[in-house]
Amino acid sequence: MDTKKLITGALTVFVLFVIITQPKRAAEIVEIGFQGISDAASGIGEFMTELVR
C-alpha cells in the first residue's frame, strides 16, 4: 500500500474517532481553525490596503 494513502487513511480514521467521541471538543478545534484563517485573511487585506495607499 502506498505510504501516502496509508497516512491519509489513518488521519481520516483518527479525525472521525475524535468527532464521534468528543464532538464538543472537535467543534472547538474547527472554530479555532476558522478563526485563524479569518484573522490571516484580514491581516492580508489590511496589508494590501496599506500597500496601495
PDB file of N, CA and C in Angstrom:
ATOM      1  N   MET A   1       0.857  -1.182   0.000  1.00  0.00           N
ATOM      2  CA  MET A   1       0.000   0.000   0.000  1.00  0.00           C
ATOM      3  C   MET A   1       0.897   1.238   0.000  1.00  0.00           C
ATOM      4  N   ASP A   2       0.482   2.217  -0.732  1.00  0.00           N
ATOM      5  CA  ASP A   2       1.210   3.470  -0.826  1.00  0.00           C
ATOM      6  C   ASP A   2       1.226   4.172   0.535  1.00  0.00           C
ATOM      7  N   THR A   3       2.373   4.701   0.907  1.00  0.00           N
ATOM      8  CA  THR A   3       2.526   5.355   2.212  1.00  0.00           C
ATOM      9  C   THR A   3       1.582   6.545   2.358  1.00  0.00           C
ATOM     10  N   LYS A   4       1.442   7.320   1.295  1.00  0.00           N
ATOM     11  CA  LYS A   4       0.568   8.494   1.354  1.00  0.00           C
ATOM     12  C   LYS A   4      -0.883   8.078   1.623  1.00  0.00           C
ATOM     13  N   LYS A   5      -1.337   7.018   0.965  1.00  0.00           N
ATOM     14  CA  LYS A   5      -2.702   6.535   1.183  1.00  0.00           C
ATOM     15  C   LYS A   5      -2.871   6.014   2.606  1.00  0.00           C
ATOM     16  N   LEU A   6      -1.857   5.345   3.114  1.00  0.00           N
ATOM     17  CA  LEU A   6      -1.914   4.809   4.472  1.00  0.00           C
ATOM     18  C   LEU A   6      -2.019   5.933   5.501  1.00  0.00           C
ATOM     19  N   ILE A   7      -1.195   6.955   5.345  1.00  0.00           N
ATOM     20  CA  ILE A   7      -1.215   8.092   6.276  1.00  0.00           C
ATOM     21  C   ILE A   7      -2.547   8.837   6.179  1.00  0.00           C
ATOM     22  N   THR A   8      -3.034   9.048   4.958  1.00  0.00           N
ATOM     23  CA  THR A   8      -4.313   9.731   4.771  1.00  0.00           C
ATOM     24  C   THR A   8      -5.456   8.941   5.407  1.00  0.00           C
ATOM     25  N   GLY A   9      -5.447   7.640   5.216  1.00  0.00           N
ATOM     26  CA  GLY A   9      -6.483   6.793   5.809  1.00  0.00           C
ATOM     27  C   GLY A   9      -6.437   6.815   7.326  1.00  0.00           C
ATOM     28  N   ALA A  10      -5.226   6.730   7.892  1.00  0.00           N
ATOM     29  CA  ALA A  10      -5.079   6.755   9.346  1.00  0.00           C
ATOM     30  C   ALA A  10      -5.534   8.099   9.912  1.00  0.00           C
ATOM     31  N   LEU A  11      -5.187   9.178   9.246  1.00  0.00           N
ATOM     32  CA  LEU A  11      -5.596  10.509   9.697  1.00  0.00           C
ATOM     33  C   LEU A  11      -7.115  10.659   9.624  1.00  0.00           C
ATOM     34  N   THR A  12      -7.719  10.147   8.567  1.00  0.00           N
ATOM     35  CA  THR A  12      -9.172  10.204   8.426  1.00  0.00           C
ATOM     36  C   THR A  12      -9.868   9.434   9.546  1.00  0.00           C
ATOM     37  N   VAL A  13      -9.370   8.243   9.832  1.00  0.00           N
ATOM     38  CA  VAL A  13      -9.948   7.437  10.912  1.00  0.00           C
ATOM     39  C   VAL A  13      -9.804   8.161  12.247  1.00  0.00           C
ATOM     40  N   PHE A  14      -8.648   8.776  12.497  1.00  0.00           N
ATOM     41  CA  PHE A  14      -8.428   9.499  13.747  1.00  0.00           C
ATOM     42  C   PHE A  14      -9.389  10.679  13.874  1.00  0.00           C
ATOM     43  N   VAL A  15      -9.543  11.446  12.798  1.00  0.00           N
ATOM     44  CA  VAL A  15     -10.444  12.605  12.829  1.00  0.00           C
ATOM     45  C   VAL A  15     -11.881  12.153  13.089  1.00  0.00           C
ATOM     46  N   LEU A  16     -12.315  11.112  12.414  1.00  0.00           N
ATOM     47  CA  LEU A  16     -13.668  10.595  12.654  1.00  0.00           C
ATOM     48  C   LEU A  16     -13.833  10.101  14.086  1.00  0.00           C
ATOM     49  N   PHE A  17     -12.817   9.447  14.625  1.00  0.00           N
ATOM     50  CA  PHE A  17     -12.864   8.970  16.003  1.00  0.00           C
ATOM     51  C   PHE A  17     -13.035  10.134  16.975  1.00  0.00           C
ATOM     52  N   VAL A  18     -12.263  11.198  16.774  1.00  0.00           N
ATOM     53  CA  VAL A  18     -12.354  12.365  17.661  1.00  0.00           C
ATOM     54  C   VAL A  18     -13.727  13.020  17.539  1.00  0.00           C
ATOM     55  N   ILE A  19     -14.232  13.149  16.318  1.00  0.00           N
ATOM     56  CA  ILE A  19     -15.546  13.768  16.114  1.00  0.00           C
ATOM     57  C   ILE A  19     -16.642  12.954  16.799  1.00  0.00           C
ATOM     58  N   ILE A  20     -16.557  11.642  16.692  1.00  0.00           N
ATOM     59  CA  ILE A  20     -17.591  10.782  17.278  1.00  0.00           C
ATOM     60  C   ILE A  20     -17.502  10.753  18.800  1.00  0.00           C
ATOM     61  N   THR A  21     -16.284  10.676  19.343  1.00  0.00           N
ATOM     62  CA  THR A  21     -16.143  10.529  20.793  1.00  0.00           C
ATOM     63  C   THR A  21     -16.173  11.854  21.540  1.00  0.00           C
ATOM     64  N   GLN A  22     -15.744  12.948  20.890  1.00  0.00           N
ATOM     65  CA  GLN A  22     -15.695  14.251  21.557  1.00  0.00           C
ATOM     66  C   GLN A  22     -16.201  15.343  20.614  1.00  0.00           C
ATOM     67  N   PRO A  23     -17.479  15.352  20.287  1.00  0.00           N
ATOM     68  CA  PRO A  23     -17.982  16.317  19.302  1.00  0.00           C
ATOM     69  C   PRO A  23     -17.829  17.775  19.740  1.00  0.00           C
ATOM     70  N   LYS A  24     -17.970  18.051  21.033  1.00  0.00           N
ATOM     71  CA  LYS A  24     -17.837  19.434  21.502  1.00  0.00           C
ATOM     72  C   LYS A  24     -16.406  19.931  21.304  1.00  0.00           C
ATOM     73  N   ARG A  25     -15.440  19.106  21.664  1.00  0.00           N
ATOM     74  CA  ARG A  25     -14.030  19.485  21.502  1.00  0.00           C
ATOM     75  C   ARG A  25     -13.678  19.617  20.022  1.00  0.00           C
ATOM     76  N   ALA A  26     -14.200  18.728  19.193  1.00  0.00           N
ATOM     77  CA  ALA A  26     -13.944  18.803  17.755  1.00  0.00           C
ATOM     78  C   ALA A  26     -14.487  20.112  17.183  1.00  0.00           C
ATOM     79  N   ALA A  27     -15.665  20.527  17.641  1.00  0.00           N
ATOM     80  CA  ALA A  27     -16.245  21.789  17.180  1.00  0.00           C
ATOM     81  C   ALA A  27     -15.392  22.975  17.613  1.00  0.00           C
ATOM     82  N   GLU A  28     -14.848  22.915  18.815  1.00  0.00           N
ATOM     83  CA  GLU A  28     -13.978  23.990  19.294  1.00  0.00           C
ATOM     84  C   GLU A  28     -12.715  24.083  18.444  1.00  0.00           C
ATOM     85  N   ILE A  29     -12.149  22.937  18.088  1.00  0.00           N
ATOM     86  CA  ILE A  29     -10.933  22.923  17.272  1.00  0.00           C
ATOM     87  C   ILE A  29     -11.212  23.506  15.887  1.00  0.00           C
ATOM     88  N   VAL A  30     -12.349  23.142  15.296  1.00  0.00           N
ATOM     89  CA  VAL A  30     -12.716  23.678  13.984  1.00  0.00           C
ATOM     90  C   VAL A  30     -12.924  25.185  14.078  1.00  0.00           C
ATOM     91  N   GLU A  31     -13.569  25.641  15.141  1.00  0.00           N
ATOM     92  CA  GLU A  31     -13.796  27.077  15.332  1.00  0.00           C
ATOM     93  C   GLU A  31     -12.470  27.826  15.434  1.00  0.00           C
ATOM     94  N   ILE A  32     -11.524  27.279  16.180  1.00  0.00           N
ATOM     95  CA  ILE A  32     -10.205  27.900  16.315  1.00  0.00           C
ATOM     96  C   ILE A  32      -9.512  27.965  14.957  1.00  0.00           C
ATOM     97  N   GLY A  33      -9.617  26.891  14.183  1.00  0.00           N
ATOM     98  CA  GLY A  33      -9.000  26.866  12.856  1.00  0.00           C
ATOM     99  C   GLY A  33      -9.580  27.919  11.932  1.00  0.00           C
ATOM    100  N   PHE A  34     -10.913  28.018  11.894  1.00  0.00           N
ATOM    101  CA  PHE A  34     -11.543  29.014  11.039  1.00  0.00           C
ATOM    102  C   PHE A  34     -11.249  30.431  11.518  1.00  0.00           C
ATOM    103  N   GLN A  35     -11.141  30.637  12.815  1.00  0.00           N
ATOM    104  CA  GLN A  35     -10.793  31.959  13.342  1.00  0.00           C
ATOM    105  C   GLN A  35      -9.389  32.348  12.894  1.00  0.00           C
ATOM    106  N   GLY A  36      -8.474  31.383  12.912  1.00  0.00           N
ATOM    107  CA  GLY A  36      -7.111  31.642  12.448  1.00  0.00           C
ATOM    108  C   GLY A  36      -7.073  32.006  10.975  1.00  0.00           C
ATOM    109  N   ILE A  37      -7.842  31.293  10.166  1.00  0.00           N
ATOM    110  CA  ILE A  37      -7.901  31.597   8.733  1.00  0.00           C
ATOM    111  C   ILE A  37      -8.501  32.979   8.516  1.00  0.00           C
ATOM    112  N   SER A  38      -9.542  33.307   9.270  1.00  0.00           N
ATOM    113  CA  SER A  38     -10.180  34.616   9.160  1.00  0.00           C
ATOM    114  C   SER A  38      -9.219  35.734   9.550  1.00  0.00           C
ATOM    115  N   ASP A  39      -8.488  35.541  10.632  1.00  0.00           N
ATOM    116  CA  ASP A  39      -7.515  36.543  11.068  1.00  0.00           C
ATOM    117  C   ASP A  39      -6.415  36.733  10.032  1.00  0.00           C
ATOM    118  N   ALA A  40      -5.955  35.636   9.443  1.00  0.00           N
ATOM    119  CA  ALA A  40      -4.908  35.721   8.425  1.00  0.00           C
ATOM    120  C   ALA A  40      -5.408  36.479   7.198  1.00  0.00           C
ATOM    121  N   ALA A  41      -6.621  36.192   6.756  1.00  0.00           N
ATOM    122  CA  ALA A  41      -7.189  36.882   5.603  1.00  0.00           C
ATOM    123  C   ALA A  41      -7.375  38.365   5.896  1.00  0.00           C
ATOM    124  N   SER A  42      -7.801  38.683   7.096  1.00  0.00           N
ATOM    125  CA  SER A  42      -7.968  40.080   7.489  1.00  0.00           C
ATOM    126  C   SER A  42      -6.629  40.805   7.488  1.00  0.00           C
ATOM    127  N   GLY A  43      -5.606  40.141   8.003  1.00  0.00           N
ATOM    128  CA  GLY A  43      -4.271  40.734   8.019  1.00  0.00           C
ATOM    129  C   GLY A  43      -3.742  40.987   6.618  1.00  0.00           C
ATOM    130  N   ILE A  44      -3.973  40.049   5.714  1.00  0.00           N
ATOM    131  CA  ILE A  44      -3.536  40.231   4.327  1.00  0.00           C
ATOM    132  C   ILE A  44      -4.290  41.388   3.693  1.00  0.00           C
ATOM    133  N   GLY A  45      -5.586  41.488   3.975  1.00  0.00           N
ATOM    134  CA  GLY A  45      -6.380  42.594   3.448  1.00  0.00           C
ATOM    135  C   GLY A  45      -5.885  43.941   3.945  1.00  0.00           C
ATOM    136  N   GLU A  46      -5.579  44.036   5.223  1.00  0.00           N
ATOM    137  CA  GLU A  46      -5.051  45.285   5.778  1.00  0.00           C
ATOM    138  C   GLU A  46      -3.700  45.622   5.164  1.00  0.00           C
ATOM    139  N   PHE A  47      -2.847  44.616   4.984  1.00  0.00           N
ATOM    140  CA  PHE A  47      -1.536  44.830   4.381  1.00  0.00           C
ATOM    141  C   PHE A  47      -1.676  45.366   2.956  1.00  0.00           C
ATOM    142  N   MET A  48      -2.561  44.757   2.175  1.00  0.00           N
ATOM    143  CA  MET A  48      -2.744  45.199   0.794  1.00  0.00           C
ATOM    144  C   MET A  48      -3.324  46.607   0.741  1.00  0.00           C
ATOM    145  N   THR A  49      -4.244  46.923   1.669  1.00  0.00           N
ATOM    146  CA  THR A  49      -4.822  48.264   1.718  1.00  0.00           C
ATOM    147  C   THR A  49      -3.745  49.297   2.006  1.00  0.00           C
ATOM    148  N   GLU A  50      -2.884  49.012   2.967  1.00  0.00           N
ATOM    149  CA  GLU A  50      -1.807  49.946   3.306  1.00  0.00           C
ATOM    150  C   GLU A  50      -0.785  50.043   2.182  1.00  0.00           C
ATOM    151  N   LEU A  51      -0.592  48.959   1.458  1.00  0.00           N
ATOM    152  CA  LEU A  51       0.356  48.945   0.351  1.00  0.00           C
ATOM    153  C   LEU A  51      -0.118  49.850  -0.777  1.00  0.00           C
ATOM    154  N   VAL A  52      -1.426  49.898  -1.008  1.00  0.00           N
ATOM    155  CA  VAL A  52      -1.998  50.697  -2.086  1.00  0.00           C
ATOM    156  C   VAL A  52      -1.996  52.177  -1.736  1.00  0.00           C
ATOM    157  N   ARG A  53      -2.137  52.497  -0.472  1.00  0.00           N
ATOM    158  CA  ARG A  53      -2.208  53.906  -0.055  1.00  0.00           C
ATOM    159  C   ARG A  53      -0.961  54.631  -0.312  1.00  0.00           C
TER     160      ARG A  53
END
